[in-house]
Amino acid sequence: MQFADFTLGKYLASIVDIVLVWYVIYKLINVIRGTKAVQLLKGILVILLVRVVGEWLGLTTLSWMMQQAINWGFLAIIIIFQPELRRALEQLGRGRFFSRSSTQDDDNQEKAVEAIVKATDYMAKRRIGALISIERETGMSDYIETGIQLNSNISSELLINIFIPNTPLHDGAVIIQKNNVSAAACYLPLSESPFISKELGTRHRAALGISEVTDSVTVVVSEETGNISLTKNGELHRGLKLEELKEILTSEMVIHNRAKQASSARWNWRGKSNG
């Protein structure tokens, strides 16, 4: 009986251990998501894969090179991931690593939606061309780096001022990241789809292009007609009214965020229950 209890205890401890390790990994992925660290992490996985394949095929020199990279990899990770590690430690010190205020997130998302809709209304009436891309799950740091970083609180006044013609930042896209105007004058990849209407310009092609490579939501205001368009998941929605724009942004930003928070909360509750 004691042996059985001991074995059962070991199994339960192993399960708790695995759950906690996966939870920490999940949180670390959330910390580095949308940063250069994601690409570097992929590089590390490639090195490990090459190491295994080289060993399996008997490629001695290649295996030795990959092994040296792995041996020194720990030090390299500390140096390369220093900003992300610092941010994770700061969040841990503030008690934000394992928890997050969903109410505050909802308020920020709703304010962001109101600011975007208000700015879009102003610019559409005056035919001021605009391109606003909103980051979701897929990181957009590579595109942010092509522009001028602002890291400013989002407001309709700021968005309008950026796109006023002949100002230094009006040419290019604004990228909104975590409810902040992260950067302006950013370059987005142009869609090469042959099905795009010939009457659409560079802004629409850029909006469609970024929606093909990320899950971002992008708002476009036509400089020629003042029409409002939106792209997501490789699809272009043209001629939107303000009510439709607000409804889509609310669904994609506020409601999506609530669903993600609810899913995370259920995951956390299960993890605590298993513990």
C-alpha atoms as a PDB file:
ATOM      1  CA  MET A   1       0.000   0.000   0.000  1.00  0.00           C
ATOM      2  CA  GLN A   2       2.772   2.373   0.907  1.00  0.00           C
ATOM      3  CA  PHE A   3       4.596   1.464  -2.311  1.00  0.00           C
ATOM      4  CA  ALA A   4       1.433   2.197  -4.331  1.00  0.00           C
ATOM      5  CA  ASP A   5       0.952   5.546  -2.586  1.00  0.00           C
ATOM      6  CA  PHE A   6       4.592   6.401  -3.236  1.00  0.00           C
ATOM      7  CA  THR A   7       4.242   5.555  -6.948  1.00  0.00           C
ATOM      8  CA  LEU A   8       1.006   7.562  -7.235  1.00  0.00           C
ATOM      9  CA  GLY A   9       2.684  10.518  -5.540  1.00  0.00           C
ATOM     10  CA  LYS A  10       5.569  10.348  -7.997  1.00  0.00           C
ATOM     11  CA  TYR A  11       3.149  10.316 -10.937  1.00  0.00           C
ATOM     12  CA  LEU A  12       1.232  13.313  -9.582  1.00  0.00           C
ATOM     13  CA  ALA A  13       4.463  15.208  -8.954  1.00  0.00           C
ATOM     14  CA  SER A  14       5.583  14.471 -12.526  1.00  0.00           C
ATOM     15  CA  ILE A  15       2.271  15.724 -13.925  1.00  0.00           C
ATOM     16  CA  VAL A  16       2.445  18.928 -11.878  1.00  0.00           C
ATOM     17  CA  ASP A  17       6.068  19.384 -12.921  1.00  0.00           C
ATOM     18  CA  ILE A  18       5.195  19.058 -16.638  1.00  0.00           C
ATOM     19  CA  VAL A  19       2.205  21.406 -16.359  1.00  0.00           C
ATOM     20  CA  LEU A  20       4.263  24.082 -14.597  1.00  0.00           C
ATOM     21  CA  VAL A  21       7.110  23.819 -17.111  1.00  0.00           C
ATOM     22  CA  TRP A  22       4.705  24.175 -20.044  1.00  0.00           C
ATOM     23  CA  TYR A  23       3.024  27.118 -18.334  1.00  0.00           C
ATOM     24  CA  VAL A  24       6.342  28.920 -17.861  1.00  0.00           C
ATOM     25  CA  ILE A  25       7.257  28.227 -21.501  1.00  0.00           C
ATOM     26  CA  TYR A  26       3.860  29.581 -22.588  1.00  0.00           C
ATOM     27  CA  LYS A  27       4.419  32.778 -20.621  1.00  0.00           C
ATOM     28  CA  LEU A  28       7.937  33.187 -21.989  1.00  0.00           C
ATOM     29  CA  ILE A  29       6.604  32.836 -25.532  1.00  0.00           C
ATOM     30  CA  ASN A  30       4.098  35.604 -24.776  1.00  0.00           C
ATOM     31  CA  VAL A  31       6.944  37.821 -23.562  1.00  0.00           C
ATOM     32  CA  ILE A  32       9.102  37.389 -26.676  1.00  0.00           C
ATOM     33  CA  ARG A  33       6.238  37.277 -29.174  1.00  0.00           C
ATOM     34  CA  GLY A  34       6.480  40.066 -31.712  1.00  0.00           C
ATOM     35  CA  THR A  35      10.187  40.680 -31.110  1.00  0.00           C
ATOM     36  CA  LYS A  36      13.378  39.695 -32.904  1.00  0.00           C
ATOM     37  CA  ALA A  37      13.801  36.960 -30.326  1.00  0.00           C
ATOM     38  CA  VAL A  38      11.201  34.880 -32.158  1.00  0.00           C
ATOM     39  CA  GLN A  39      13.363  34.719 -35.279  1.00  0.00           C
ATOM     40  CA  LEU A  40      16.460  33.985 -33.209  1.00  0.00           C
ATOM     41  CA  LEU A  41      14.597  31.198 -31.423  1.00  0.00           C
ATOM     42  CA  LYS A  42      13.789  29.674 -34.804  1.00  0.00           C
ATOM     43  CA  GLY A  43      17.497  29.829 -35.635  1.00  0.00           C
ATOM     44  CA  ILE A  44      18.319  27.912 -32.455  1.00  0.00           C
ATOM     45  CA  LEU A  45      15.777  25.228 -33.363  1.00  0.00           C
ATOM     46  CA  VAL A  46      17.379  24.939 -36.814  1.00  0.00           C
ATOM     47  CA  ILE A  47      20.802  24.424 -35.205  1.00  0.00           C
ATOM     48  CA  LEU A  48      19.398  21.669 -32.986  1.00  0.00           C
ATOM     49  CA  LEU A  49      17.721  20.013 -35.959  1.00  0.00           C
ATOM     50  CA  VAL A  50      20.928  20.150 -38.016  1.00  0.00           C
ATOM     51  CA  ARG A  51      22.826  18.678 -35.067  1.00  0.00           C
ATOM     52  CA  VAL A  52      20.453  15.704 -34.847  1.00  0.00           C
ATOM     53  CA  VAL A  53      20.398  15.115 -38.611  1.00  0.00           C
ATOM     54  CA  GLY A  54      24.193  15.400 -38.833  1.00  0.00           C
ATOM     55  CA  GLU A  55      24.626  12.854 -36.046  1.00  0.00           C
ATOM     56  CA  TRP A  56      22.152  10.512 -37.692  1.00  0.00           C
ATOM     57  CA  LEU A  57      23.865  10.748 -41.106  1.00  0.00           C
ATOM     58  CA  GLY A  58      27.342  10.467 -39.620  1.00  0.00           C
ATOM     59  CA  LEU A  59      28.465  13.943 -40.674  1.00  0.00           C
ATOM     60  CA  THR A  60      31.211  14.291 -38.077  1.00  0.00           C
ATOM     61  CA  THR A  61      32.456  17.798 -38.878  1.00  0.00           C
ATOM     62  CA  LEU A  62      28.979  19.297 -39.168  1.00  0.00           C
ATOM     63  CA  SER A  63      27.905  17.619 -35.918  1.00  0.00           C
ATOM     64  CA  TRP A  64      31.005  18.959 -34.150  1.00  0.00           C
ATOM     65  CA  MET A  65      30.296  22.511 -35.372  1.00  0.00           C
ATOM     66  CA  MET A  66      26.691  22.349 -34.237  1.00  0.00           C
ATOM     67  CA  GLN A  67      27.754  20.925 -30.882  1.00  0.00           C
ATOM     68  CA  GLN A  68      30.109  23.854 -30.344  1.00  0.00           C
ATOM     69  CA  ALA A  69      27.281  26.238 -31.165  1.00  0.00           C
ATOM     70  CA  ILE A  70      25.094  24.469 -28.611  1.00  0.00           C
ATOM     71  CA  ASN A  71      27.844  24.479 -25.973  1.00  0.00           C
ATOM     72  CA  TRP A  72      28.243  28.244 -26.254  1.00  0.00           C
ATOM     73  CA  GLY A  73      24.558  28.782 -26.883  1.00  0.00           C
ATOM     74  CA  PHE A  74      23.629  29.464 -23.260  1.00  0.00           C
ATOM     75  CA  LEU A  75      25.923  32.487 -23.077  1.00  0.00           C
ATOM     76  CA  ALA A  76      24.743  33.657 -26.496  1.00  0.00           C
ATOM     77  CA  ILE A  77      21.103  33.409 -25.419  1.00  0.00           C
ATOM     78  CA  ILE A  78      21.747  35.612 -22.380  1.00  0.00           C
ATOM     79  CA  ILE A  79      23.411  38.237 -24.568  1.00  0.00           C
ATOM     80  CA  ILE A  80      20.965  38.094 -27.484  1.00  0.00           C
ATOM     81  CA  PHE A  81      17.778  37.852 -25.416  1.00  0.00           C
ATOM     82  CA  GLN A  82      18.884  40.435 -22.842  1.00  0.00           C
ATOM     83  CA  PRO A  83      16.000  42.913 -23.546  1.00  0.00           C
ATOM     84  CA  GLU A  84      13.376  40.157 -23.396  1.00  0.00           C
ATOM     85  CA  LEU A  85      14.863  38.630 -20.227  1.00  0.00           C
ATOM     86  CA  ARG A  86      14.930  42.057 -18.579  1.00  0.00           C
ATOM     87  CA  ARG A  87      11.309  42.658 -19.527  1.00  0.00           C
ATOM     88  CA  ALA A  88      10.293  39.249 -18.147  1.00  0.00           C
ATOM     89  CA  LEU A  89      12.080  39.930 -14.864  1.00  0.00           C
ATOM     90  CA  GLU A  90      10.466  43.367 -14.614  1.00  0.00           C
ATOM     91  CA  GLN A  91       7.026  41.833 -15.139  1.00  0.00           C
ATOM     92  CA  LEU A  92       7.804  39.166 -12.556  1.00  0.00           C
ATOM     93  CA  GLY A  93       8.867  41.848 -10.067  1.00  0.00           C
ATOM     94  CA  ARG A  94       5.643  43.770 -10.640  1.00  0.00           C
ATOM     95  CA  GLY A  95       3.567  40.615 -10.280  1.00  0.00           C
ATOM     96  CA  ARG A  96       2.370  40.877 -13.897  1.00  0.00           C
ATOM     97  CA  PHE A  97       4.075  37.782 -15.262  1.00  0.00           C
ATOM     98  CA  PHE A  98       1.321  35.390 -14.239  1.00  0.00           C
ATOM     99  CA  SER A  99      -1.633  37.784 -14.134  1.00  0.00           C
ATOM    100  CA  ARG A 100      -3.113  40.568 -16.163  1.00  0.00           C
ATOM    101  CA  SER A 101      -6.029  42.933 -15.688  1.00  0.00           C
ATOM    102  CA  SER A 102      -8.622  42.020 -18.310  1.00  0.00           C
ATOM    103  CA  THR A 103     -10.790  45.003 -17.344  1.00  0.00           C
ATOM    104  CA  GLN A 104      -7.979  47.425 -18.031  1.00  0.00           C
ATOM    105  CA  ASP A 105      -7.231  45.680 -21.324  1.00  0.00           C
ATOM    106  CA  ASP A 106     -10.873  45.989 -22.389  1.00  0.00           C
ATOM    107  CA  ASP A 107     -10.914  49.698 -21.551  1.00  0.00           C
ATOM    108  CA  ASN A 108      -7.718  50.298 -23.507  1.00  0.00           C
ATOM    109  CA  GLN A 109      -8.999  48.342 -26.490  1.00  0.00           C
ATOM    110  CA  GLU A 110     -12.282  50.257 -26.513  1.00  0.00           C
ATOM    111  CA  LYS A 111     -10.450  53.588 -26.334  1.00  0.00           C
ATOM    112  CA  ALA A 112      -8.226  52.483 -29.211  1.00  0.00           C
ATOM    113  CA  VAL A 113     -11.256  51.582 -31.320  1.00  0.00           C
ATOM    114  CA  GLU A 114     -12.904  54.942 -30.594  1.00  0.00           C
ATOM    115  CA  ALA A 115      -9.711  56.813 -31.499  1.00  0.00           C
ATOM    116  CA  ILE A 116      -9.282  54.944 -34.789  1.00  0.00           C
ATOM    117  CA  VAL A 117     -12.929  55.397 -35.799  1.00  0.00           C
ATOM    118  CA  LYS A 118     -12.919  59.097 -34.917  1.00  0.00           C
ATOM    119  CA  ALA A 119      -9.686  59.732 -36.821  1.00  0.00           C
ATOM    120  CA  THR A 120     -10.938  57.713 -39.812  1.00  0.00           C
ATOM    121  CA  ASP A 121     -14.165  59.736 -39.906  1.00  0.00           C
ATOM    122  CA  TYR A 122     -12.246  63.013 -39.907  1.00  0.00           C
ATOM    123  CA  MET A 123      -9.822  61.935 -42.631  1.00  0.00           C
ATOM    124  CA  ALA A 124     -12.466  60.287 -44.836  1.00  0.00           C
ATOM    125  CA  LYS A 125     -14.560  63.476 -44.935  1.00  0.00           C
ATOM    126  CA  ARG A 126     -11.502  65.496 -46.002  1.00  0.00           C
ATOM    127  CA  ARG A 127     -10.037  62.809 -48.283  1.00  0.00           C
ATOM    128  CA  ILE A 128      -6.823  62.508 -46.321  1.00  0.00           C
ATOM    129  CA  GLY A 129      -5.107  59.256 -47.229  1.00  0.00           C
ATOM    130  CA  ALA A 130      -4.350  56.987 -44.276  1.00  0.00           C
ATOM    131  CA  LEU A 131      -3.016  53.500 -43.562  1.00  0.00           C
ATOM    132  CA  ILE A 132      -3.380  52.144 -40.012  1.00  0.00           C
ATOM    133  CA  SER A 133      -2.329  48.570 -39.216  1.00  0.00           C
ATOM    134  CA  ILE A 134      -3.228  46.964 -35.880  1.00  0.00           C
ATOM    135  CA  GLU A 135      -1.043  44.150 -34.556  1.00  0.00           C
ATOM    136  CA  ARG A 136      -2.778  41.088 -33.136  1.00  0.00           C
ATOM    137  CA  GLU A 137      -1.121  37.714 -32.503  1.00  0.00           C
ATOM    138  CA  THR A 138       1.576  37.822 -35.185  1.00  0.00           C
ATOM    139  CA  GLY A 139       4.382  40.203 -34.246  1.00  0.00           C
ATOM    140  CA  MET A 140       5.043  43.186 -36.545  1.00  0.00           C
ATOM    141  CA  SER A 141       8.363  44.332 -35.084  1.00  0.00           C
ATOM    142  CA  ASP A 142      10.157  43.831 -38.404  1.00  0.00           C
ATOM    143  CA  TYR A 143       7.809  46.333 -40.063  1.00  0.00           C
ATOM    144  CA  ILE A 144       7.921  48.725 -37.115  1.00  0.00           C
ATOM    145  CA  GLU A 145      11.680  48.971 -37.551  1.00  0.00           C
ATOM    146  CA  THR A 146      11.219  50.336 -41.098  1.00  0.00           C
ATOM    147  CA  GLY A 147       9.489  53.458 -39.781  1.00  0.00           C
ATOM    148  CA  ILE A 148       9.904  56.155 -37.180  1.00  0.00           C
ATOM    149  CA  GLN A 149       9.249  54.780 -33.702  1.00  0.00           C
ATOM    150  CA  LEU A 150       6.874  56.845 -31.564  1.00  0.00           C
ATOM    151  CA  ASN A 151       5.664  54.591 -28.702  1.00  0.00           C
ATOM    152  CA  SER A 152       2.889  57.091 -27.990  1.00  0.00           C
ATOM    153  CA  ASN A 153      -0.537  56.751 -26.423  1.00  0.00           C
ATOM    154  CA  ILE A 154      -3.143  56.340 -29.122  1.00  0.00           C
ATOM    155  CA  SER A 155      -5.490  59.256 -29.796  1.00  0.00           C
ATOM    156  CA  SER A 156      -7.505  60.442 -32.763  1.00  0.00           C
ATOM    157  CA  GLU A 157      -5.663  63.757 -32.759  1.00  0.00           C
ATOM    158  CA  LEU A 158      -2.288  62.027 -33.075  1.00  0.00           C
ATOM    159  CA  LEU A 159      -3.458  59.786 -35.909  1.00  0.00           C
ATOM    160  CA  ILE A 160      -4.931  62.725 -37.813  1.00  0.00           C
ATOM    161  CA  ASN A 161      -1.819  64.822 -37.360  1.00  0.00           C
ATOM    162  CA  ILE A 162       0.417  62.029 -38.669  1.00  0.00           C
ATOM    163  CA  PHE A 163      -1.468  61.729 -41.963  1.00  0.00           C
ATOM    164  CA  ILE A 164      -1.866  65.428 -42.725  1.00  0.00           C
ATOM    165  CA  PRO A 165      -0.382  65.845 -46.255  1.00  0.00           C
ATOM    166  CA  ASN A 166       3.200  67.074 -46.638  1.00  0.00           C
ATOM    167  CA  THR A 167       4.143  66.284 -43.035  1.00  0.00           C
ATOM    168  CA  PRO A 168       7.258  64.152 -42.419  1.00  0.00           C
ATOM    169  CA  LEU A 169       5.332  61.051 -41.270  1.00  0.00           C
ATOM    170  CA  HIS A 170       2.298  61.059 -43.566  1.00  0.00           C
ATOM    171  CA  ASP A 171       3.798  58.741 -46.197  1.00  0.00           C
ATOM    172  CA  GLY A 172       3.643  55.145 -45.004  1.00  0.00           C
ATOM    173  CA  ALA A 173       1.715  53.167 -42.423  1.00  0.00           C
ATOM    174  CA  VAL A 174       1.023  53.672 -38.754  1.00  0.00           C
ATOM    175  CA  ILE A 175       1.370  50.469 -36.726  1.00  0.00           C
ATOM    176  CA  ILE A 176      -0.580  50.123 -33.496  1.00  0.00           C
ATOM    177  CA  GLN A 177       0.925  47.666 -31.033  1.00  0.00           C
ATOM    178  CA  LYS A 178      -0.557  46.935 -27.604  1.00  0.00           C
ATOM    179  CA  ASN A 179      -2.902  49.952 -27.811  1.00  0.00           C
ATOM    180  CA  ASN A 180       0.003  52.323 -28.525  1.00  0.00           C
ATOM    181  CA  VAL A 181       1.040  54.066 -31.715  1.00  0.00           C
ATOM    182  CA  SER A 182       4.298  52.175 -32.020  1.00  0.00           C
ATOM    183  CA  ALA A 183       5.627  53.718 -35.235  1.00  0.00           C
ATOM    184  CA  ALA A 184       4.707  55.809 -38.273  1.00  0.00           C
ATOM    185  CA  ALA A 185       5.962  56.020 -41.862  1.00  0.00           C
ATOM    186  CA  CYS A 186       6.382  52.233 -41.901  1.00  0.00           C
ATOM    187  CA  TYR A 187       6.795  50.201 -45.069  1.00  0.00           C
ATOM    188  CA  LEU A 188       4.417  47.277 -45.521  1.00  0.00           C
ATOM    189  CA  PRO A 189       4.795  44.479 -48.089  1.00  0.00           C
ATOM    190  CA  LEU A 190       2.733  45.019 -51.241  1.00  0.00           C
ATOM    191  CA  SER A 191       0.338  42.287 -52.295  1.00  0.00           C
ATOM    192  CA  GLU A 192       1.166  40.600 -55.579  1.00  0.00           C
ATOM    193  CA  SER A 193      -2.320  39.225 -56.043  1.00  0.00           C
ATOM    194  CA  PRO A 194      -3.458  39.522 -59.687  1.00  0.00           C
ATOM    195  CA  PHE A 195      -7.072  39.895 -58.561  1.00  0.00           C
ATOM    196  CA  ILE A 196      -6.660  43.363 -57.038  1.00  0.00           C
ATOM    197  CA  SER A 197      -8.624  46.033 -58.885  1.00  0.00           C
ATOM    198  CA  LYS A 198      -6.481  48.308 -61.057  1.00  0.00           C
ATOM    199  CA  GLU A 199      -8.128  51.363 -59.510  1.00  0.00           C
ATOM    200  CA  LEU A 200      -6.640  50.593 -56.098  1.00  0.00           C
ATOM    201  CA  GLY A 201      -3.388  52.315 -55.194  1.00  0.00           C
ATOM    202  CA  THR A 202      -0.328  51.537 -53.116  1.00  0.00           C
ATOM    203  CA  ARG A 203      -2.082  51.946 -49.744  1.00  0.00           C
ATOM    204  CA  HIS A 204      -4.642  49.261 -50.547  1.00  0.00           C
ATOM    205  CA  ARG A 205      -1.975  46.930 -51.927  1.00  0.00           C
ATOM    206  CA  ALA A 206       0.102  47.419 -48.789  1.00  0.00           C
ATOM    207  CA  ALA A 207      -2.909  46.828 -46.556  1.00  0.00           C
ATOM    208  CA  LEU A 208      -3.754  43.631 -48.405  1.00  0.00           C
ATOM    209  CA  GLY A 209      -0.111  42.567 -48.442  1.00  0.00           C
ATOM    210  CA  ILE A 210       0.336  42.825 -44.666  1.00  0.00           C
ATOM    211  CA  SER A 211      -2.923  40.912 -44.136  1.00  0.00           C
ATOM    212  CA  GLU A 212      -1.522  38.062 -46.226  1.00  0.00           C
ATOM    213  CA  VAL A 213       1.574  37.594 -44.054  1.00  0.00           C
ATOM    214  CA  THR A 214       0.177  38.498 -40.595  1.00  0.00           C
ATOM    215  CA  ASP A 215      -3.166  38.361 -38.789  1.00  0.00           C
ATOM    216  CA  SER A 216      -3.224  42.146 -38.427  1.00  0.00           C
ATOM    217  CA  VAL A 217      -6.269  44.312 -39.126  1.00  0.00           C
ATOM    218  CA  THR A 218      -5.543  47.302 -41.369  1.00  0.00           C
ATOM    219  CA  VAL A 219      -7.703  50.365 -42.027  1.00  0.00           C
ATOM    220  CA  VAL A 220      -7.308  52.333 -45.263  1.00  0.00           C
ATOM    221  CA  VAL A 221      -8.685  55.753 -46.180  1.00  0.00           C
ATOM    222  CA  SER A 222      -8.573  56.534 -49.882  1.00  0.00           C
ATOM    223  CA  GLU A 223      -7.004  59.863 -50.783  1.00  0.00           C
ATOM    224  CA  GLU A 224      -8.934  59.988 -54.083  1.00  0.00           C
ATOM    225  CA  THR A 225     -12.439  59.081 -52.912  1.00  0.00           C
ATOM    226  CA  GLY A 226     -12.390  59.207 -49.111  1.00  0.00           C
ATOM    227  CA  ASN A 227     -13.752  55.663 -49.021  1.00  0.00           C
ATOM    228  CA  ILE A 228     -12.951  53.501 -46.002  1.00  0.00           C
ATOM    229  CA  SER A 229     -11.583  49.983 -46.469  1.00  0.00           C
ATOM    230  CA  LEU A 230     -10.325  47.279 -44.137  1.00  0.00           C
ATOM    231  CA  THR A 231      -8.173  44.213 -44.691  1.00  0.00           C
ATOM    232  CA  LYS A 232      -7.815  41.056 -42.623  1.00  0.00           C
ATOM    233  CA  ASN A 233      -6.876  37.464 -43.378  1.00  0.00           C
ATOM    234  CA  GLY A 234      -5.989  38.354 -46.961  1.00  0.00           C
ATOM    235  CA  GLU A 235      -9.427  39.842 -47.657  1.00  0.00           C
ATOM    236  CA  LEU A 236     -10.273  43.427 -48.636  1.00  0.00           C
ATOM    237  CA  HIS A 237     -13.531  44.966 -47.402  1.00  0.00           C
ATOM    238  CA  ARG A 238     -14.283  48.155 -49.336  1.00  0.00           C
ATOM    239  CA  GLY A 239     -16.743  50.998 -48.941  1.00  0.00           C
ATOM    240  CA  LEU A 240     -17.317  50.546 -45.215  1.00  0.00           C
ATOM    241  CA  LYS A 241     -19.519  52.882 -43.222  1.00  0.00           C
ATOM    242  CA  LEU A 242     -18.329  54.133 -39.843  1.00  0.00           C
ATOM    243  CA  GLU A 243     -20.776  51.854 -38.028  1.00  0.00           C
ATOM    244  CA  GLU A 244     -19.467  48.839 -39.938  1.00  0.00           C
ATOM    245  CA  LEU A 245     -15.847  49.846 -39.285  1.00  0.00           C
ATOM    246  CA  LYS A 246     -16.498  50.212 -35.562  1.00  0.00           C
ATOM    247  CA  GLU A 247     -18.316  46.883 -35.454  1.00  0.00           C
ATOM    248  CA  ILE A 248     -15.441  45.041 -37.154  1.00  0.00           C
ATOM    249  CA  LEU A 249     -12.753  46.702 -35.028  1.00  0.00           C
ATOM    250  CA  THR A 250     -14.713  45.973 -31.853  1.00  0.00           C
ATOM    251  CA  SER A 251     -15.070  42.344 -32.889  1.00  0.00           C
ATOM    252  CA  GLU A 252     -11.415  41.956 -33.847  1.00  0.00           C
ATOM    253  CA  MET A 253      -9.913  43.902 -30.931  1.00  0.00           C
ATOM    254  CA  VAL A 254     -12.232  44.033 -27.910  1.00  0.00           C
ATOM    255  CA  ILE A 255     -14.243  40.819 -28.258  1.00  0.00           C
ATOM    256  CA  HIS A 256     -11.230  38.855 -29.507  1.00  0.00           C
ATOM    257  CA  ASN A 257      -9.212  40.107 -26.527  1.00  0.00           C
ATOM    258  CA  ARG A 258     -11.958  39.056 -24.096  1.00  0.00           C
ATOM    259  CA  ALA A 259     -12.107  35.592 -25.641  1.00  0.00           C
ATOM    260  CA  LYS A 260      -8.327  35.256 -25.370  1.00  0.00           C
ATOM    261  CA  GLN A 261      -8.371  36.401 -21.744  1.00  0.00           C
ATOM    262  CA  ALA A 262     -11.179  33.961 -20.942  1.00  0.00           C
ATOM    263  CA  SER A 263      -9.267  31.115 -22.572  1.00  0.00           C
ATOM    264  CA  SER A 264      -6.116  32.059 -20.652  1.00  0.00           C
ATOM    265  CA  ALA A 265      -8.083  32.239 -17.402  1.00  0.00           C
ATOM    266  CA  ARG A 266      -9.534  28.764 -17.964  1.00  0.00           C
ATOM    267  CA  TRP A 267      -6.033  27.430 -18.713  1.00  0.00           C
ATOM    268  CA  ASN A 268      -4.673  29.030 -15.540  1.00  0.00           C
ATOM    269  CA  TRP A 269      -7.530  27.615 -13.463  1.00  0.00           C
ATOM    270  CA  ARG A 270      -6.903  24.118 -14.784  1.00  0.00           C
ATOM    271  CA  GLY A 271      -3.200  24.463 -14.033  1.00  0.00           C
ATOM    272  CA  LYS A 272      -3.950  25.526 -10.453  1.00  0.00           C
ATOM    273  CA  SER A 273      -6.445  22.698 -10.039  1.00  0.00           C
ATOM    274  CA  ASN A 274      -3.883  20.143 -11.189  1.00  0.00           C
ATOM    275  CA  GLY A 275      -1.401  21.680  -8.755  1.00  0.00           C
END
